Amino acid sequence: MDAYVTGLKRLVQTCGYRTLADEMIGDEVLEKCYSTHLRLLREQTLTLDEVLRTTRRAEALDHQAQQIEDAKNSENQKAVNSA
């Protein structure tokens, strides 16, 4: 997410959207994200910092859920292999 936002910040510098840059970047992040829950935040007025905090939290939760799922699958595979 941070790399994506950094790229957007570089692009927006050449567009002349000085006062709207952060708002436009936040909108773009929410528009293009894969999470349905995060896309629902488009209906709210959030600062770029709030969008970034929320998306980082969502990324961390997704990562933790994937780790739990991987551990569960690994345990199941060990049980199958030992049977």
PDB file of N, CA and C in Angstrom:
ATOM      1  N   MET A   1       0.826  -1.187   0.000  1.00  0.00           N
ATOM      2  CA  MET A   1       0.000   0.000   0.000  1.00  0.00           C
ATOM      3  C   MET A   1       0.872   1.252   0.000  1.00  0.00           C
ATOM      4  N   ASP A   2       1.895   1.242   0.823  1.00  0.00           N
ATOM      5  CA  ASP A   2       2.744   2.436   0.908  1.00  0.00           C
ATOM      6  C   ASP A   2       3.431   2.732  -0.423  1.00  0.00           C
ATOM      7  N   ALA A   3       3.893   1.688  -1.104  1.00  0.00           N
ATOM      8  CA  ALA A   3       4.541   1.892  -2.400  1.00  0.00           C
ATOM      9  C   ALA A   3       3.544   2.454  -3.415  1.00  0.00           C
ATOM     10  N   TYR A   4       2.323   1.949  -3.390  1.00  0.00           N
ATOM     11  CA  TYR A   4       1.280   2.432  -4.286  1.00  0.00           C
ATOM     12  C   TYR A   4       0.995   3.911  -4.032  1.00  0.00           C
ATOM     13  N   VAL A   5       0.856   4.274  -2.770  1.00  0.00           N
ATOM     14  CA  VAL A   5       0.560   5.668  -2.410  1.00  0.00           C
ATOM     15  C   VAL A   5       1.737   6.572  -2.770  1.00  0.00           C
ATOM     16  N   THR A   6       2.948   6.100  -2.569  1.00  0.00           N
ATOM     17  CA  THR A   6       4.124   6.891  -2.936  1.00  0.00           C
ATOM     18  C   THR A   6       4.126   7.162  -4.436  1.00  0.00           C
ATOM     19  N   GLY A   7       3.802   6.149  -5.216  1.00  0.00           N
ATOM     20  CA  GLY A   7       3.713   6.335  -6.661  1.00  0.00           C
ATOM     21  C   GLY A   7       2.630   7.328  -7.040  1.00  0.00           C
ATOM     22  N   LEU A   8       1.487   7.239  -6.385  1.00  0.00           N
ATOM     23  CA  LEU A   8       0.409   8.194  -6.645  1.00  0.00           C
ATOM     24  C   LEU A   8       0.825   9.619  -6.287  1.00  0.00           C
ATOM     25  N   LYS A   9       1.540   9.761  -5.178  1.00  0.00           N
ATOM     26  CA  LYS A   9       1.986  11.096  -4.765  1.00  0.00           C
ATOM     27  C   LYS A   9       2.929  11.694  -5.809  1.00  0.00           C
ATOM     28  N   ARG A  10       3.795  10.862  -6.373  1.00  0.00           N
ATOM     29  CA  ARG A  10       4.698  11.351  -7.418  1.00  0.00           C
ATOM     30  C   ARG A  10       3.910  11.788  -8.655  1.00  0.00           C
ATOM     31  N   LEU A  11       2.937  10.983  -9.033  1.00  0.00           N
ATOM     32  CA  LEU A  11       2.133  11.307 -10.212  1.00  0.00           C
ATOM     33  C   LEU A  11       1.316  12.583 -10.033  1.00  0.00           C
ATOM     34  N   VAL A  12       0.737  12.733  -8.861  1.00  0.00           N
ATOM     35  CA  VAL A  12      -0.157  13.871  -8.636  1.00  0.00           C
ATOM     36  C   VAL A  12       0.612  15.195  -8.583  1.00  0.00           C
ATOM     37  N   GLN A  13       1.906  15.144  -8.320  1.00  0.00           N
ATOM     38  CA  GLN A  13       2.708  16.370  -8.283  1.00  0.00           C
ATOM     39  C   GLN A  13       2.717  17.080  -9.634  1.00  0.00           C
ATOM     40  N   THR A  14       2.608  16.323 -10.708  1.00  0.00           N
ATOM     41  CA  THR A  14       2.655  16.913 -12.038  1.00  0.00           C
ATOM     42  C   THR A  14       1.282  17.324 -12.560  1.00  0.00           C
ATOM     43  N   CYS A  15       0.245  17.067 -11.783  1.00  0.00           N
ATOM     44  CA  CYS A  15      -1.127  17.305 -12.260  1.00  0.00           C
ATOM     45  C   CYS A  15      -1.709  18.639 -11.830  1.00  0.00           C
ATOM     46  N   GLY A  16      -1.100  19.321 -10.892  1.00  0.00           N
ATOM     47  CA  GLY A  16      -1.619  20.604 -10.450  1.00  0.00           C
ATOM     48  C   GLY A  16      -2.801  20.519  -9.498  1.00  0.00           C
ATOM     49  N   TYR A  17      -2.971  19.394  -8.823  1.00  0.00           N
ATOM     50  CA  TYR A  17      -4.078  19.224  -7.873  1.00  0.00           C
ATOM     51  C   TYR A  17      -3.630  19.540  -6.448  1.00  0.00           C
ATOM     52  N   ARG A  18      -2.854  20.523  -6.267  1.00  0.00           N
ATOM     53  CA  ARG A  18      -2.193  20.787  -4.982  1.00  0.00           C
ATOM     54  C   ARG A  18      -3.116  20.661  -3.773  1.00  0.00           C
ATOM     55  N   THR A  19      -4.213  21.367  -3.745  1.00  0.00           N
ATOM     56  CA  THR A  19      -5.072  21.352  -2.562  1.00  0.00           C
ATOM     57  C   THR A  19      -5.926  20.092  -2.480  1.00  0.00           C
ATOM     58  N   LEU A  20      -6.133  19.416  -3.601  1.00  0.00           N
ATOM     59  CA  LEU A  20      -6.974  18.222  -3.620  1.00  0.00           C
ATOM     60  C   LEU A  20      -6.168  16.931  -3.702  1.00  0.00           C
ATOM     61  N   ALA A  21      -4.858  17.020  -3.718  1.00  0.00           N
ATOM     62  CA  ALA A  21      -4.017  15.849  -3.951  1.00  0.00           C
ATOM     63  C   ALA A  21      -4.287  14.735  -2.945  1.00  0.00           C
ATOM     64  N   ASP A  22      -4.242  15.032  -1.663  1.00  0.00           N
ATOM     65  CA  ASP A  22      -4.445  13.995  -0.654  1.00  0.00           C
ATOM     66  C   ASP A  22      -5.835  13.368  -0.762  1.00  0.00           C
ATOM     67  N   GLU A  23      -6.833  14.207  -0.996  1.00  0.00           N
ATOM     68  CA  GLU A  23      -8.197  13.699  -1.137  1.00  0.00           C
ATOM     69  C   GLU A  23      -8.306  12.760  -2.347  1.00  0.00           C
ATOM     70  N   MET A  24      -7.693  13.157  -3.438  1.00  0.00           N
ATOM     71  CA  MET A  24      -7.746  12.337  -4.640  1.00  0.00           C
ATOM     72  C   MET A  24      -6.990  11.022  -4.466  1.00  0.00           C
ATOM     73  N   ILE A  25      -5.868  11.069  -3.784  1.00  0.00           N
ATOM     74  CA  ILE A  25      -5.097   9.847  -3.527  1.00  0.00           C
ATOM     75  C   ILE A  25      -5.902   8.912  -2.639  1.00  0.00           C
ATOM     76  N   GLY A  26      -6.499   9.445  -1.586  1.00  0.00           N
ATOM     77  CA  GLY A  26      -7.336   8.621  -0.703  1.00  0.00           C
ATOM     78  C   GLY A  26      -8.486   7.987  -1.457  1.00  0.00           C
ATOM     79  N   ASP A  27      -9.130   8.765  -2.325  1.00  0.00           N
ATOM     80  CA  ASP A  27     -10.223   8.228  -3.140  1.00  0.00           C
ATOM     81  C   ASP A  27      -9.738   7.112  -4.052  1.00  0.00           C
ATOM     82  N   GLU A  28      -8.582   7.306  -4.659  1.00  0.00           N
ATOM     83  CA  GLU A  28      -8.021   6.294  -5.570  1.00  0.00           C
ATOM     84  C   GLU A  28      -7.691   5.007  -4.825  1.00  0.00           C
ATOM     85  N   VAL A  29      -7.127   5.130  -3.640  1.00  0.00           N
ATOM     86  CA  VAL A  29      -6.796   3.953  -2.836  1.00  0.00           C
ATOM     87  C   VAL A  29      -8.063   3.154  -2.534  1.00  0.00           C
ATOM     88  N   LEU A  30      -9.100   3.828  -2.094  1.00  0.00           N
ATOM     89  CA  LEU A  30     -10.341   3.127  -1.758  1.00  0.00           C
ATOM     90  C   LEU A  30     -11.043   2.586  -2.990  1.00  0.00           C
ATOM     91  N   GLU A  31     -10.932   3.291  -4.090  1.00  0.00           N
ATOM     92  CA  GLU A  31     -11.581   2.848  -5.329  1.00  0.00           C
ATOM     93  C   GLU A  31     -10.929   1.582  -5.875  1.00  0.00           C
ATOM     94  N   LYS A  32      -9.620   1.483  -5.785  1.00  0.00           N
ATOM     95  CA  LYS A  32      -8.889   0.378  -6.413  1.00  0.00           C
ATOM     96  C   LYS A  32      -8.587  -0.784  -5.472  1.00  0.00           C
ATOM     97  N   CYS A  33      -8.893  -0.646  -4.195  1.00  0.00           N
ATOM     98  CA  CYS A  33      -8.566  -1.725  -3.260  1.00  0.00           C
ATOM     99  C   CYS A  33      -9.453  -2.946  -3.516  1.00  0.00           C
ATOM    100  N   TYR A  34      -8.959  -4.106  -3.132  1.00  0.00           N
ATOM    101  CA  TYR A  34      -9.670  -5.361  -3.383  1.00  0.00           C
ATOM    102  C   TYR A  34     -10.738  -5.653  -2.334  1.00  0.00           C
ATOM    103  N   SER A  35     -10.669  -5.011  -1.209  1.00  0.00           N
ATOM    104  CA  SER A  35     -11.563  -5.301  -0.091  1.00  0.00           C
ATOM    105  C   SER A  35     -12.909  -4.586  -0.232  1.00  0.00           C
ATOM    106  N   THR A  36     -13.961  -5.354  -0.227  1.00  0.00           N
ATOM    107  CA  THR A  36     -15.308  -4.779  -0.279  1.00  0.00           C
ATOM    108  C   THR A  36     -15.545  -3.883   0.930  1.00  0.00           C
ATOM    109  N   HIS A  37     -15.069  -4.315   2.095  1.00  0.00           N
ATOM    110  CA  HIS A  37     -15.260  -3.516   3.311  1.00  0.00           C
ATOM    111  C   HIS A  37     -14.584  -2.150   3.186  1.00  0.00           C
ATOM    112  N   LEU A  38     -13.380  -2.136   2.646  1.00  0.00           N
ATOM    113  CA  LEU A  38     -12.684  -0.859   2.502  1.00  0.00           C
ATOM    114  C   LEU A  38     -13.333   0.013   1.434  1.00  0.00           C
ATOM    115  N   ARG A  39     -13.830  -0.596   0.375  1.00  0.00           N
ATOM    116  CA  ARG A  39     -14.496   0.199  -0.661  1.00  0.00           C
ATOM    117  C   ARG A  39     -15.733   0.893  -0.113  1.00  0.00           C
ATOM    118  N   LEU A  40     -16.357   0.302   0.896  1.00  0.00           N
ATOM    119  CA  LEU A  40     -17.524   0.939   1.518  1.00  0.00           C
ATOM    120  C   LEU A  40     -17.158   2.262   2.196  1.00  0.00           C
ATOM    121  N   LEU A  41     -15.896   2.427   2.531  1.00  0.00           N
ATOM    122  CA  LEU A  41     -15.454   3.665   3.174  1.00  0.00           C
ATOM    123  C   LEU A  41     -15.495   4.861   2.223  1.00  0.00           C
ATOM    124  N   ARG A  42     -15.674   4.601   0.934  1.00  0.00           N
ATOM    125  CA  ARG A  42     -15.771   5.695  -0.033  1.00  0.00           C
ATOM    126  C   ARG A  42     -16.923   6.624   0.309  1.00  0.00           C
ATOM    127  N   GLU A  43     -17.923   6.097   0.987  1.00  0.00           N
ATOM    128  CA  GLU A  43     -19.101   6.897   1.337  1.00  0.00           C
ATOM    129  C   GLU A  43     -18.809   7.885   2.467  1.00  0.00           C
ATOM    130  N   GLN A  44     -17.691   7.698   3.150  1.00  0.00           N
ATOM    131  CA  GLN A  44     -17.323   8.573   4.259  1.00  0.00           C
ATOM    132  C   GLN A  44     -16.295   9.598   3.794  1.00  0.00           C
ATOM    133  N   THR A  45     -16.201  10.671   4.537  1.00  0.00           N
ATOM    134  CA  THR A  45     -15.168  11.663   4.265  1.00  0.00           C
ATOM    135  C   THR A  45     -13.997  11.384   5.189  1.00  0.00           C
ATOM    136  N   LEU A  46     -12.923  10.848   4.609  1.00  0.00           N
ATOM    137  CA  LEU A  46     -11.750  10.489   5.391  1.00  0.00           C
ATOM    138  C   LEU A  46     -10.534  11.237   4.865  1.00  0.00           C
ATOM    139  N   THR A  47      -9.632  11.570   5.767  1.00  0.00           N
ATOM    140  CA  THR A  47      -8.368  12.160   5.331  1.00  0.00           C
ATOM    141  C   THR A  47      -7.495  11.038   4.768  1.00  0.00           C
ATOM    142  N   LEU A  48      -6.454  11.417   4.051  1.00  0.00           N
ATOM    143  CA  LEU A  48      -5.524  10.422   3.514  1.00  0.00           C
ATOM    144  C   LEU A  48      -4.898   9.623   4.649  1.00  0.00           C
ATOM    145  N   ASP A  49      -4.553  10.273   5.745  1.00  0.00           N
ATOM    146  CA  ASP A  49      -3.974   9.557   6.891  1.00  0.00           C
ATOM    147  C   ASP A  49      -4.941   8.510   7.444  1.00  0.00           C
ATOM    148  N   GLU A  50      -6.216   8.849   7.520  1.00  0.00           N
ATOM    149  CA  GLU A  50      -7.212   7.887   8.005  1.00  0.00           C
ATOM    150  C   GLU A  50      -7.360   6.715   7.042  1.00  0.00           C
ATOM    151  N   VAL A  51      -7.356   7.005   5.752  1.00  0.00           N
ATOM    152  CA  VAL A  51      -7.434   5.938   4.753  1.00  0.00           C
ATOM    153  C   VAL A  51      -6.230   5.018   4.887  1.00  0.00           C
ATOM    154  N   LEU A  52      -5.044   5.596   5.005  1.00  0.00           N
ATOM    155  CA  LEU A  52      -3.830   4.785   5.107  1.00  0.00           C
ATOM    156  C   LEU A  52      -3.808   3.955   6.382  1.00  0.00           C
ATOM    157  N   ARG A  53      -4.199   4.531   7.493  1.00  0.00           N
ATOM    158  CA  ARG A  53      -4.247   3.761   8.748  1.00  0.00           C
ATOM    159  C   ARG A  53      -5.206   2.587   8.613  1.00  0.00           C
ATOM    160  N   THR A  54      -6.363   2.839   8.025  1.00  0.00           N
ATOM    161  CA  THR A  54      -7.376   1.795   7.877  1.00  0.00           C
ATOM    162  C   THR A  54      -6.903   0.698   6.930  1.00  0.00           C
ATOM    163  N   THR A  55      -6.316   1.082   5.809  1.00  0.00           N
ATOM    164  CA  THR A  55      -5.858   0.063   4.855  1.00  0.00           C
ATOM    165  C   THR A  55      -4.676  -0.728   5.406  1.00  0.00           C
ATOM    166  N   ARG A  56      -3.803  -0.077   6.153  1.00  0.00           N
ATOM    167  CA  ARG A  56      -2.682  -0.811   6.771  1.00  0.00           C
ATOM    168  C   ARG A  56      -3.197  -1.821   7.798  1.00  0.00           C
ATOM    169  N   ARG A  57      -4.192  -1.416   8.582  1.00  0.00           N
ATOM    170  CA  ARG A  57      -4.802  -2.344   9.538  1.00  0.00           C
ATOM    171  C   ARG A  57      -5.411  -3.535   8.809  1.00  0.00           C
ATOM    172  N   ALA A  58      -6.117  -3.256   7.725  1.00  0.00           N
ATOM    173  CA  ALA A  58      -6.739  -4.329   6.945  1.00  0.00           C
ATOM    174  C   ALA A  58      -5.684  -5.264   6.366  1.00  0.00           C
ATOM    175  N   GLU A  59      -4.585  -4.711   5.868  1.00  0.00           N
ATOM    176  CA  GLU A  59      -3.501  -5.545   5.346  1.00  0.00           C
ATOM    177  C   GLU A  59      -2.918  -6.422   6.441  1.00  0.00           C
ATOM    178  N   ALA A  60      -2.711  -5.862   7.619  1.00  0.00           N
ATOM    179  CA  ALA A  60      -2.155  -6.628   8.738  1.00  0.00           C
ATOM    180  C   ALA A  60      -3.108  -7.753   9.140  1.00  0.00           C
ATOM    181  N   LEU A  61      -4.403  -7.452   9.191  1.00  0.00           N
ATOM    182  CA  LEU A  61      -5.384  -8.481   9.537  1.00  0.00           C
ATOM    183  C   LEU A  61      -5.439  -9.583   8.487  1.00  0.00           C
ATOM    184  N   ASP A  62      -5.366  -9.209   7.220  1.00  0.00           N
ATOM    185  CA  ASP A  62      -5.341 -10.208   6.145  1.00  0.00           C
ATOM    186  C   ASP A  62      -4.111 -11.096   6.265  1.00  0.00           C
ATOM    187  N   HIS A  63      -2.973 -10.490   6.575  1.00  0.00           N
ATOM    188  CA  HIS A  63      -1.730 -11.242   6.732  1.00  0.00           C
ATOM    189  C   HIS A  63      -1.844 -12.221   7.909  1.00  0.00           C
ATOM    190  N   GLN A  64      -2.380 -11.763   9.021  1.00  0.00           N
ATOM    191  CA  GLN A  64      -2.551 -12.632  10.180  1.00  0.00           C
ATOM    192  C   GLN A  64      -3.515 -13.767   9.886  1.00  0.00           C
ATOM    193  N   ALA A  65      -4.601 -13.469   9.205  1.00  0.00           N
ATOM    194  CA  ALA A  65      -5.574 -14.512   8.852  1.00  0.00           C
ATOM    195  C   ALA A  65      -4.934 -15.545   7.930  1.00  0.00           C
ATOM    196  N   GLN A  66      -4.104 -15.095   6.993  1.00  0.00           N
ATOM    197  CA  GLN A  66      -3.427 -16.025   6.086  1.00  0.00           C
ATOM    198  C   GLN A  66      -2.451 -16.913   6.861  1.00  0.00           C
ATOM    199  N   GLN A  67      -1.749 -16.345   7.823  1.00  0.00           N
ATOM    200  CA  GLN A  67      -0.823 -17.139   8.640  1.00  0.00           C
ATOM    201  C   GLN A  67      -1.579 -18.202   9.424  1.00  0.00           C
ATOM    202  N   ILE A  68      -2.715 -17.844   9.985  1.00  0.00           N
ATOM    203  CA  ILE A  68      -3.526 -18.804  10.737  1.00  0.00           C
ATOM    204  C   ILE A  68      -4.014 -19.910   9.811  1.00  0.00           C
ATOM    205  N   GLU A  69      -4.495 -19.523   8.635  1.00  0.00           N
ATOM    206  CA  GLU A  69      -4.978 -20.504   7.656  1.00  0.00           C
ATOM    207  C   GLU A  69      -3.847 -21.429   7.203  1.00  0.00           C
ATOM    208  N   ASP A  70      -2.664 -20.877   6.969  1.00  0.00           N
ATOM    209  CA  ASP A  70      -1.516 -21.687   6.563  1.00  0.00           C
ATOM    210  C   ASP A  70      -1.132 -22.678   7.654  1.00  0.00           C
ATOM    211  N   ALA A  71      -1.140 -22.227   8.914  1.00  0.00           N
ATOM    212  CA  ALA A  71      -0.805 -23.107  10.030  1.00  0.00           C
ATOM    213  C   ALA A  71      -1.841 -24.224  10.158  1.00  0.00           C
ATOM    214  N   LYS A  72      -3.090 -23.878   9.993  1.00  0.00           N
ATOM    215  CA  LYS A  72      -4.172 -24.863  10.061  1.00  0.00           C
ATOM    216  C   LYS A  72      -4.019 -25.896   8.946  1.00  0.00           C
ATOM    217  N   ASN A  73      -3.745 -25.436   7.729  1.00  0.00           N
ATOM    218  CA  ASN A  73      -3.554 -26.348   6.606  1.00  0.00           C
ATOM    219  C   ASN A  73      -2.341 -27.241   6.809  1.00  0.00           C
ATOM    220  N   SER A  74      -1.290 -26.685   7.377  1.00  0.00           N
ATOM    221  CA  SER A  74      -0.082 -27.461   7.643  1.00  0.00           C
ATOM    222  C   SER A  74      -0.363 -28.563   8.661  1.00  0.00           C
ATOM    223  N   GLU A  75      -1.107 -28.222   9.704  1.00  0.00           N
ATOM    224  CA  GLU A  75      -1.469 -29.223  10.708  1.00  0.00           C
ATOM    225  C   GLU A  75      -2.346 -30.312  10.108  1.00  0.00           C
ATOM    226  N   ASN A  76      -3.290 -29.924   9.274  1.00  0.00           N
ATOM    227  CA  ASN A  76      -4.153 -30.909   8.622  1.00  0.00           C
ATOM    228  C   ASN A  76      -3.353 -31.822   7.706  1.00  0.00           C
ATOM    229  N   GLN A  77      -2.389 -31.254   6.986  1.00  0.00           N
ATOM    230  CA  GLN A  77      -1.562 -32.053   6.091  1.00  0.00           C
ATOM    231  C   GLN A  77      -0.697 -33.032   6.888  1.00  0.00           C
ATOM    232  N   LYS A  78      -0.176 -32.596   8.017  1.00  0.00           N
ATOM    233  CA  LYS A  78       0.616 -33.491   8.865  1.00  0.00           C
ATOM    234  C   LYS A  78      -0.247 -34.639   9.372  1.00  0.00           C
ATOM    235  N   ALA A  79      -1.492 -34.332   9.742  1.00  0.00           N
ATOM    236  CA  ALA A  79      -2.404 -35.371  10.225  1.00  0.00           C
ATOM    237  C   ALA A  79      -2.711 -36.372   9.122  1.00  0.00           C
ATOM    238  N   VAL A  80      -2.900 -35.901   7.914  1.00  0.00           N
ATOM    239  CA  VAL A  80      -3.178 -36.787   6.782  1.00  0.00           C
ATOM    240  C   VAL A  80      -1.966 -37.653   6.473  1.00  0.00           C
ATOM    241  N   ASN A  81      -0.795 -37.052   6.498  1.00  0.00           N
ATOM    242  CA  ASN A  81       0.446 -37.780   6.193  1.00  0.00           C
ATOM    243  C   ASN A  81       0.769 -38.838   7.249  1.00  0.00           C
ATOM    244  N   SER A  82       0.397 -38.583   8.493  1.00  0.00           N
ATOM    245  CA  SER A  82       0.724 -39.534   9.558  1.00  0.00           C
ATOM    246  C   SER A  82      -0.332 -40.630   9.699  1.00  0.00           C
ATOM    247  N   ALA A  83      -1.447 -40.475   9.014  1.00  0.00           N
ATOM    248  CA  ALA A  83      -2.514 -41.479   9.102  1.00  0.00           C
ATOM    249  C   ALA A  83      -2.271 -42.678   8.225  1.00  0.00           C
TER     250      ALA A  83
END
